[in-house]
C-alpha atoms as a PDB file:
ATOM      1  CA  MET A   1      -5.945 -77.132  21.727  1.00  0.00           C
ATOM      2  CA  LEU A   2      -4.388 -74.461  19.535  1.00  0.00           C
ATOM      3  CA  SER A   3      -1.115 -72.908  20.578  1.00  0.00           C
ATOM      4  CA  ARG A   4      -1.079 -69.233  21.575  1.00  0.00           C
ATOM      5  CA  GLU A   5       0.603 -68.356  18.288  1.00  0.00           C
ATOM      6  CA  ALA A   6      -2.053 -70.208  16.302  1.00  0.00           C
ATOM      7  CA  GLN A   7      -4.826 -68.489  18.266  1.00  0.00           C
ATOM      8  CA  ILE A   8      -3.260 -65.095  17.572  1.00  0.00           C
ATOM      9  CA  SER A   9      -2.992 -65.855  13.861  1.00  0.00           C
ATOM     10  CA  GLN A  10      -6.600 -67.031  13.720  1.00  0.00           C
ATOM     11  CA  LEU A  11      -7.821 -63.897  15.497  1.00  0.00           C
ATOM     12  CA  PHE A  12      -5.936 -61.597  13.145  1.00  0.00           C
ATOM     13  CA  VAL A  13      -7.563 -63.393  10.202  1.00  0.00           C
ATOM     14  CA  GLU A  14     -10.990 -62.823  11.755  1.00  0.00           C
ATOM     15  CA  LEU A  15     -10.211 -59.159  12.355  1.00  0.00           C
ATOM     16  CA  ALA A  16      -9.113 -58.837   8.732  1.00  0.00           C
ATOM     17  CA  ASP A  17     -12.612 -59.935   7.690  1.00  0.00           C
ATOM     18  CA  THR A  18     -13.811 -56.487   8.745  1.00  0.00           C
ATOM     19  CA  LEU A  19     -12.345 -55.241   5.460  1.00  0.00           C
ATOM     20  CA  VAL A  20     -15.217 -56.875   3.552  1.00  0.00           C
ATOM     21  CA  ASP A  21     -18.858 -55.853   3.469  1.00  0.00           C
ATOM     22  CA  ASP A  22     -21.599 -56.958   5.865  1.00  0.00           C
ATOM     23  CA  PHE A  23     -19.629 -58.074   8.905  1.00  0.00           C
ATOM     24  CA  ASP A  24     -21.204 -58.036  12.361  1.00  0.00           C
ATOM     25  CA  VAL A  25     -19.454 -55.336  14.404  1.00  0.00           C
ATOM     26  CA  ALA A  26     -20.871 -56.390  17.772  1.00  0.00           C
ATOM     27  CA  ALA A  27     -20.073 -60.072  17.236  1.00  0.00           C
ATOM     28  CA  LEU A  28     -16.539 -59.310  16.142  1.00  0.00           C
ATOM     29  CA  LEU A  29     -15.834 -57.053  19.126  1.00  0.00           C
ATOM     30  CA  HIS A  30     -17.241 -59.623  21.543  1.00  0.00           C
ATOM     31  CA  ARG A  31     -14.858 -62.141  19.949  1.00  0.00           C
ATOM     32  CA  LEU A  32     -12.013 -59.670  20.441  1.00  0.00           C
ATOM     33  CA  ALA A  33     -12.902 -59.163  24.108  1.00  0.00           C
ATOM     34  CA  GLU A  34     -13.032 -62.921  24.718  1.00  0.00           C
ATOM     35  CA  SER A  35      -9.717 -63.433  22.925  1.00  0.00           C
ATOM     36  CA  CYS A  36      -7.987 -60.680  24.895  1.00  0.00           C
ATOM     37  CA  VAL A  37      -8.988 -62.385  28.149  1.00  0.00           C
ATOM     38  CA  GLU A  38      -7.483 -65.648  26.932  1.00  0.00           C
ATOM     39  CA  LEU A  39      -4.410 -64.394  25.082  1.00  0.00           C
ATOM     40  CA  LEU A  40      -3.351 -61.650  27.486  1.00  0.00           C
ATOM     41  CA  HIS A  41      -4.094 -63.663  30.651  1.00  0.00           C
ATOM     42  CA  VAL A  42      -6.445 -61.074  32.129  1.00  0.00           C
ATOM     43  CA  ASP A  43      -9.753 -61.744  33.847  1.00  0.00           C
ATOM     44  CA  ALA A  44     -12.036 -59.394  31.936  1.00  0.00           C
ATOM     45  CA  ALA A  45     -12.156 -57.094  28.948  1.00  0.00           C
ATOM     46  CA  GLY A  46     -14.515 -54.455  27.620  1.00  0.00           C
ATOM     47  CA  LEU A  47     -14.644 -52.408  24.439  1.00  0.00           C
ATOM     48  CA  MET A  48     -16.118 -48.934  24.182  1.00  0.00           C
ATOM     49  CA  LEU A  49     -16.724 -47.001  20.956  1.00  0.00           C
ATOM     50  CA  ALA A  50     -17.360 -43.317  20.380  1.00  0.00           C
ATOM     51  CA  ASN A  51     -21.102 -42.696  20.154  1.00  0.00           C
ATOM     52  CA  GLY A  52     -21.051 -39.618  17.893  1.00  0.00           C
ATOM     53  CA  ARG A  53     -22.014 -37.275  20.752  1.00  0.00           C
ATOM     54  CA  GLY A  54     -18.530 -36.871  22.175  1.00  0.00           C
ATOM     55  CA  GLY A  55     -18.879 -39.784  24.599  1.00  0.00           C
ATOM     56  CA  LEU A  56     -18.425 -43.541  24.658  1.00  0.00           C
ATOM     57  CA  GLY A  57     -20.794 -46.477  24.606  1.00  0.00           C
ATOM     58  CA  LEU A  58     -20.117 -50.020  25.808  1.00  0.00           C
ATOM     59  CA  ILE A  59     -20.195 -52.369  22.807  1.00  0.00           C
ATOM     60  CA  ALA A  60     -18.619 -55.645  23.917  1.00  0.00           C
ATOM     61  CA  TRP A  61     -17.358 -57.304  27.094  1.00  0.00           C
ATOM     62  CA  SER A  62     -16.205 -60.627  28.535  1.00  0.00           C
ATOM     63  CA  PRO A  63     -17.227 -62.172  30.851  1.00  0.00           C
ATOM     64  CA  ASP A  64     -20.763 -60.935  31.477  1.00  0.00           C
ATOM     65  CA  SER A  65     -19.932 -60.065  35.086  1.00  0.00           C
ATOM     66  CA  ILE A  66     -17.773 -57.108  33.971  1.00  0.00           C
ATOM     67  CA  GLU A  67     -20.634 -55.313  32.191  1.00  0.00           C
ATOM     68  CA  LYS A  68     -21.859 -53.623  35.370  1.00  0.00           C
ATOM     69  CA  LEU A  69     -18.418 -52.164  36.168  1.00  0.00           C
ATOM     70  CA  GLU A  70     -17.943 -50.925  32.601  1.00  0.00           C
ATOM     71  CA  LEU A  71     -21.336 -49.230  32.616  1.00  0.00           C
ATOM     72  CA  PHE A  72     -20.551 -47.659  35.984  1.00  0.00           C
ATOM     73  CA  GLU A  73     -17.333 -46.242  34.526  1.00  0.00           C
ATOM     74  CA  LEU A  74     -19.372 -44.517  31.829  1.00  0.00           C
ATOM     75  CA  GLN A  75     -22.025 -43.290  34.244  1.00  0.00           C
ATOM     76  CA  SER A  76     -19.477 -41.911  36.718  1.00  0.00           C
ATOM     77  CA  ASP A  77     -17.498 -40.335  33.848  1.00  0.00           C
ATOM     78  CA  GLU A  78     -14.140 -41.444  35.227  1.00  0.00           C
ATOM     79  CA  GLY A  79     -11.787 -44.352  34.764  1.00  0.00           C
ATOM     80  CA  PRO A  80      -8.975 -45.713  32.610  1.00  0.00           C
ATOM     81  CA  CYS A  81     -10.998 -46.248  29.446  1.00  0.00           C
ATOM     82  CA  LEU A  82     -12.298 -42.683  29.432  1.00  0.00           C
ATOM     83  CA  ASP A  83      -8.852 -41.210  30.108  1.00  0.00           C
ATOM     84  CA  THR A  84      -7.329 -43.302  27.331  1.00  0.00           C
ATOM     85  CA  TYR A  85     -10.007 -42.330  24.833  1.00  0.00           C
ATOM     86  CA  ARG A  86      -9.675 -38.637  25.642  1.00  0.00           C
ATOM     87  CA  SER A  87      -5.871 -38.589  25.551  1.00  0.00           C
ATOM     88  CA  GLY A  88      -5.214 -41.256  22.931  1.00  0.00           C
ATOM     89  CA  ARG A  89      -2.568 -42.728  25.258  1.00  0.00           C
ATOM     90  CA  ALA A  90      -2.556 -46.150  26.883  1.00  0.00           C
ATOM     91  CA  ASN A  91      -2.957 -46.604  30.652  1.00  0.00           C
ATOM     92  CA  VAL A  92      -1.368 -49.942  31.516  1.00  0.00           C
ATOM     93  CA  ASN A  93      -0.408 -51.777  34.681  1.00  0.00           C
ATOM     94  CA  VAL A  94      -2.471 -49.463  36.857  1.00  0.00           C
ATOM     95  CA  ASN A  95      -2.878 -50.682  40.421  1.00  0.00           C
ATOM     96  CA  VAL A  96      -6.491 -50.035  41.360  1.00  0.00           C
ATOM     97  CA  LEU A  97      -5.690 -49.243  45.001  1.00  0.00           C
ATOM     98  CA  ALA A  98      -3.047 -46.723  43.925  1.00  0.00           C
ATOM     99  CA  ALA A  99      -5.539 -44.983  41.610  1.00  0.00           C
ATOM    100  CA  GLN A 100      -8.071 -44.057  44.297  1.00  0.00           C
ATOM    101  CA  GLN A 101      -7.307 -40.337  44.171  1.00  0.00           C
ATOM    102  CA  ARG A 102      -7.328 -40.356  40.377  1.00  0.00           C
ATOM    103  CA  TRP A 103     -10.638 -42.225  39.945  1.00  0.00           C
ATOM    104  CA  PRO A 104     -12.296 -42.439  43.389  1.00  0.00           C
ATOM    105  CA  ARG A 105     -15.721 -43.681  42.299  1.00  0.00           C
ATOM    106  CA  PHE A 106     -14.385 -46.056  39.662  1.00  0.00           C
ATOM    107  CA  THR A 107     -11.772 -47.615  41.942  1.00  0.00           C
ATOM    108  CA  ALA A 108     -14.364 -48.207  44.660  1.00  0.00           C
ATOM    109  CA  ALA A 109     -16.538 -50.047  42.156  1.00  0.00           C
ATOM    110  CA  ALA A 110     -13.559 -51.960  40.708  1.00  0.00           C
ATOM    111  CA  LEU A 111     -12.423 -53.100  44.152  1.00  0.00           C
ATOM    112  CA  ALA A 112     -15.989 -54.173  44.937  1.00  0.00           C
ATOM    113  CA  SER A 113     -15.818 -56.281  41.768  1.00  0.00           C
ATOM    114  CA  HIS A 114     -12.549 -57.827  43.032  1.00  0.00           C
ATOM    115  CA  MET A 115     -10.432 -56.157  40.338  1.00  0.00           C
ATOM    116  CA  ARG A 116      -6.928 -55.209  41.462  1.00  0.00           C
ATOM    117  CA  SER A 117      -5.257 -53.990  38.253  1.00  0.00           C
ATOM    118  CA  THR A 118      -6.496 -52.393  35.066  1.00  0.00           C
ATOM    119  CA  HIS A 119      -5.202 -51.519  31.635  1.00  0.00           C
ATOM    120  CA  ALA A 120      -6.693 -49.400  28.858  1.00  0.00           C
ATOM    121  CA  LEU A 121      -5.568 -49.313  25.219  1.00  0.00           C
ATOM    122  CA  PRO A 122      -6.781 -46.794  22.658  1.00  0.00           C
ATOM    123  CA  LEU A 123      -8.682 -47.699  19.516  1.00  0.00           C
ATOM    124  CA  ARG A 124      -7.050 -45.139  17.289  1.00  0.00           C
ATOM    125  CA  LEU A 125      -5.451 -44.688  13.896  1.00  0.00           C
ATOM    126  CA  ARG A 126      -3.058 -41.794  13.437  1.00  0.00           C
ATOM    127  CA  GLY A 127      -4.930 -38.830  14.925  1.00  0.00           C
ATOM    128  CA  GLU A 128      -8.403 -40.367  14.913  1.00  0.00           C
ATOM    129  CA  ARG A 129      -9.703 -42.002  18.083  1.00  0.00           C
ATOM    130  CA  ILE A 130     -12.816 -44.172  17.931  1.00  0.00           C
ATOM    131  CA  GLY A 131     -12.815 -45.825  21.342  1.00  0.00           C
ATOM    132  CA  ALA A 132     -10.809 -47.734  23.932  1.00  0.00           C
ATOM    133  CA  MET A 133     -10.342 -51.249  25.281  1.00  0.00           C
ATOM    134  CA  ASN A 134     -10.341 -52.000  29.028  1.00  0.00           C
ATOM    135  CA  LEU A 135      -8.559 -55.000  30.533  1.00  0.00           C
ATOM    136  CA  PHE A 136      -8.935 -56.086  34.163  1.00  0.00           C
ATOM    137  CA  SER A 137      -7.159 -58.538  36.472  1.00  0.00           C
ATOM    138  CA  THR A 138      -8.092 -59.800  39.903  1.00  0.00           C
ATOM    139  CA  THR A 139      -4.392 -59.799  40.849  1.00  0.00           C
ATOM    140  CA  ASP A 140      -1.578 -57.271  40.658  1.00  0.00           C
ATOM    141  CA  ARG A 141       0.111 -59.176  37.830  1.00  0.00           C
ATOM    142  CA  ALA A 142       1.511 -56.711  35.312  1.00  0.00           C
ATOM    143  CA  LEU A 143       1.174 -57.103  31.586  1.00  0.00           C
ATOM    144  CA  SER A 144       4.503 -57.823  29.935  1.00  0.00           C
ATOM    145  CA  ALA A 145       5.855 -55.584  27.203  1.00  0.00           C
ATOM    146  CA  GLU A 146       4.970 -58.364  24.745  1.00  0.00           C
ATOM    147  CA  ASP A 147       1.395 -58.520  26.023  1.00  0.00           C
ATOM    148  CA  ILE A 148       0.999 -54.754  25.687  1.00  0.00           C
ATOM    149  CA  VAL A 149       2.301 -54.818  22.109  1.00  0.00           C
ATOM    150  CA  LEU A 150      -0.070 -57.669  21.228  1.00  0.00           C
ATOM    151  CA  GLY A 151      -3.056 -55.977  22.873  1.00  0.00           C
ATOM    152  CA  GLN A 152      -2.397 -52.718  21.036  1.00  0.00           C
ATOM    153  CA  ALA A 153      -1.894 -54.580  17.751  1.00  0.00           C
ATOM    154  CA  LEU A 154      -5.283 -56.249  18.154  1.00  0.00           C
ATOM    155  CA  ALA A 155      -6.886 -52.907  18.992  1.00  0.00           C
ATOM    156  CA  ASP A 156      -5.195 -51.273  15.978  1.00  0.00           C
ATOM    157  CA  VAL A 157      -6.338 -53.949  13.524  1.00  0.00           C
ATOM    158  CA  ALA A 158      -9.896 -53.724  14.848  1.00  0.00           C
ATOM    159  CA  THR A 159      -9.744 -49.930  14.481  1.00  0.00           C
ATOM    160  CA  ILE A 160      -8.544 -50.142  10.889  1.00  0.00           C
ATOM    161  CA  GLY A 161     -11.380 -52.510  10.064  1.00  0.00           C
ATOM    162  CA  LEU A 162     -14.012 -50.336  11.744  1.00  0.00           C
ATOM    163  CA  LEU A 163     -12.779 -47.184  10.008  1.00  0.00           C
ATOM    164  CA  GLN A 164     -12.639 -49.023   6.683  1.00  0.00           C
ATOM    165  CA  GLN A 165     -16.206 -50.197   7.142  1.00  0.00           C
ATOM    166  CA  ARG A 166     -17.319 -46.660   7.980  1.00  0.00           C
ATOM    167  CA  ALA A 167     -15.584 -45.390   4.842  1.00  0.00           C
ATOM    168  CA  ILE A 168     -17.373 -48.034   2.764  1.00  0.00           C
ATOM    169  CA  ARG A 169     -20.733 -46.953   4.199  1.00  0.00           C
ATOM    170  CA  GLU A 170     -19.962 -43.280   3.632  1.00  0.00           C
ATOM    171  CA  ARG A 171     -18.897 -43.953   0.042  1.00  0.00           C
ATOM    172  CA  SER A 172     -22.080 -45.927  -0.493  1.00  0.00           C
ATOM    173  CA  ILE A 173     -24.189 -43.095   0.929  1.00  0.00           C
ATOM    174  CA  LEU A 174     -22.356 -40.577  -1.256  1.00  0.00           C
ATOM    175  CA  ALA A 175     -22.853 -42.748  -4.335  1.00  0.00           C
ATOM    176  CA  ASP A 176     -26.577 -43.026  -3.561  1.00  0.00           C
ATOM    177  CA  GLN A 177     -26.823 -39.263  -3.094  1.00  0.00           C
ATOM    178  CA  LEU A 178     -25.043 -38.618  -6.380  1.00  0.00           C
ATOM    179  CA  GLN A 179     -27.325 -41.065  -8.173  1.00  0.00           C
ATOM    180  CA  VAL A 180     -30.400 -39.360  -6.723  1.00  0.00           C
ATOM    181  CA  ALA A 181     -29.023 -35.994  -7.849  1.00  0.00           C
ATOM    182  CA  LEU A 182     -28.373 -37.343 -11.336  1.00  0.00           C
ATOM    183  CA  ASN A 183     -31.846 -38.868 -11.579  1.00  0.00           C
ATOM    184  CA  THR A 184     -33.392 -35.617 -10.354  1.00  0.00           C
ATOM    185  CA  ARG A 185     -31.497 -33.592 -12.949  1.00  0.00           C
ATOM    186  CA  ILE A 186     -32.689 -35.885 -15.751  1.00  0.00           C
ATOM    187  CA  LEU A 187     -36.303 -35.667 -14.596  1.00  0.00           C
ATOM    188  CA  VAL A 188     -36.129 -31.887 -14.191  1.00  0.00           C
ATOM    189  CA  GLU A 189     -34.650 -31.427 -17.666  1.00  0.00           C
ATOM    190  CA  GLN A 190     -37.465 -33.509 -19.165  1.00  0.00           C
ATOM    191  CA  ALA A 191     -40.126 -31.582 -17.234  1.00  0.00           C
ATOM    192  CA  LYS A 192     -38.573 -28.230 -18.207  1.00  0.00           C
ATOM    193  CA  GLY A 193     -38.625 -29.194 -21.883  1.00  0.00           C
ATOM    194  CA  MET A 194     -42.244 -30.368 -21.765  1.00  0.00           C
ATOM    195  CA  LEU A 195     -43.392 -27.196 -19.991  1.00  0.00           C
ATOM    196  CA  ALA A 196     -41.420 -24.968 -22.366  1.00  0.00           C
ATOM    197  CA  GLU A 197     -43.094 -26.617 -25.333  1.00  0.00           C
ATOM    198  CA  ARG A 198     -46.567 -26.230 -23.802  1.00  0.00           C
ATOM    199  CA  THR A 199     -46.222 -22.643 -22.569  1.00  0.00           C
ATOM    200  CA  GLY A 200     -43.715 -20.985 -24.862  1.00  0.00           C
ATOM    201  CA  LEU A 201     -41.523 -20.090 -21.877  1.00  0.00           C
ATOM    202  CA  THR A 202     -37.792 -20.712 -21.820  1.00  0.00           C
ATOM    203  CA  PRO A 203     -36.488 -23.744 -19.936  1.00  0.00           C
ATOM    204  CA  ALA A 204     -34.948 -21.387 -17.362  1.00  0.00           C
ATOM    205  CA  GLU A 205     -38.343 -19.791 -16.761  1.00  0.00           C
ATOM    206  CA  THR A 206     -40.114 -23.138 -16.414  1.00  0.00           C
ATOM    207  CA  PHE A 207     -37.453 -24.235 -13.949  1.00  0.00           C
ATOM    208  CA  THR A 208     -38.273 -21.221 -11.780  1.00  0.00           C
ATOM    209  CA  HIS A 209     -41.923 -22.322 -11.719  1.00  0.00           C
ATOM    210  CA  LEU A 210     -40.962 -25.915 -10.923  1.00  0.00           C
ATOM    211  CA  ARG A 211     -38.832 -24.844  -7.977  1.00  0.00           C
ATOM    212  CA  ARG A 212     -41.461 -22.449  -6.675  1.00  0.00           C
ATOM    213  CA  TYR A 213     -44.186 -25.094  -6.838  1.00  0.00           C
ATOM    214  CA  ALA A 214     -41.955 -27.671  -5.122  1.00  0.00           C
ATOM    215  CA  ARG A 215     -41.135 -25.214  -2.334  1.00  0.00           C
ATOM    216  CA  ASN A 216     -44.732 -24.055  -1.807  1.00  0.00           C
ATOM    217  CA  SER A 217     -46.192 -27.554  -1.892  1.00  0.00           C
ATOM    218  CA  GLY A 218     -43.470 -29.117   0.273  1.00  0.00           C
ATOM    219  CA  GLN A 219     -42.699 -31.732  -2.370  1.00  0.00           C
ATOM    220  CA  PRO A 220     -39.215 -32.738  -3.536  1.00  0.00           C
ATOM    221  CA  LEU A 221     -38.271 -31.252  -6.895  1.00  0.00           C
ATOM    222  CA  GLN A 222     -37.866 -34.697  -8.420  1.00  0.00           C
ATOM    223  CA  VAL A 223     -41.435 -35.608  -7.395  1.00  0.00           C
ATOM    224  CA  VAL A 224     -42.838 -32.454  -8.989  1.00  0.00           C
ATOM    225  CA  ALA A 225     -40.857 -33.084 -12.167  1.00  0.00           C
ATOM    226  CA  GLN A 226     -42.069 -36.699 -12.320  1.00  0.00           C
ATOM    227  CA  ARG A 227     -45.684 -35.537 -11.919  1.00  0.00           C
ATOM    228  CA  VAL A 228     -45.264 -33.156 -14.861  1.00  0.00           C
ATOM    229  CA  ILE A 229     -43.799 -35.955 -16.989  1.00  0.00           C
ATOM    230  CA  ASP A 230     -46.588 -38.373 -15.975  1.00  0.00           C
ATOM    231  CA  GLY A 231     -49.274 -35.765 -16.751  1.00  0.00           C
ATOM    232  CA  ASP A 232     -50.466 -35.551 -13.148  1.00  0.00           C
ATOM    233  CA  LEU A 233     -49.433 -31.910 -12.871  1.00  0.00           C
ATOM    234  CA  GLY A 234     -50.366 -29.496 -15.651  1.00  0.00           C
ATOM    235  CA  SER A 235     -49.040 -26.053 -16.495  1.00  0.00           C
ATOM    236  CA  THR A 236     -52.295 -24.419 -15.289  1.00  0.00           C
ATOM    237  CA  GLU A 237     -51.845 -25.787 -11.780  1.00  0.00           C
ATOM    238  CA  LEU A 238     -48.097 -25.230 -11.861  1.00  0.00           C
ATOM    239  CA  MET A 239     -48.313 -21.656 -13.191  1.00  0.00           C
ATOM    240  CA  PRO A 240     -51.764 -20.289 -12.203  1.00  0.00           C
ATOM    241  CA  ASN A 241     -50.855 -16.631 -12.796  1.00  0.00           C
ATOM    242  CA  LEU A 242     -49.337 -17.131 -16.234  1.00  0.00           C
ATOM    243  CA  ASP A 243     -51.031 -15.156 -19.050  1.00  0.00           C
ATOM    244  CA  ARG A 244     -51.917 -17.486 -21.871  1.00  0.00           C
END
């Protein structure tokens, strides 16, 4: 059996693996939820991430019995995780009974699930918030200052990894878009030169015809240019009103 310190070290190593390509986000966050239950001595944990529409979606939880309560929190649009995500501030050591006026529907559901205290930590880096982590206990036991620091550190490392992975994907998409643009430009320049030689028009004039044909036919410019290069699209079809 690993010591608590060894478990913490091992988990941080696993979280650091998010800084490489092709890691499984869902699997990693489920591992984080399970580890928080064990390391922070709580009874359940759930992780919610921003869904791109201004709300949150449940991504990972432990144990399975907490899923229903977490989904109810989202459906009722109230609870510690939502408040933490919206404010960027942690809500820790919250007595569920004492929070009835604050979150009436959520607390009723939490009490029905035998939860007596709750904690929520933000998944955020500087000013950017990407989600929140919920922790639940069936007793009123408060998290220690050390537990809160550890929980936030785990949430912060996971956030850094998720944002890094998003940046990698965005850079990859941008690189692909730039490559497509470069390939299109090369094809268009070749098509312009071929049409200029055939028709006696300037390259600028042939480019106008290429763009017009692409727009009218609903085809991408690079496809039209490739058809000209391949001989599938002649100047007569491309420029039907041109005097020859």
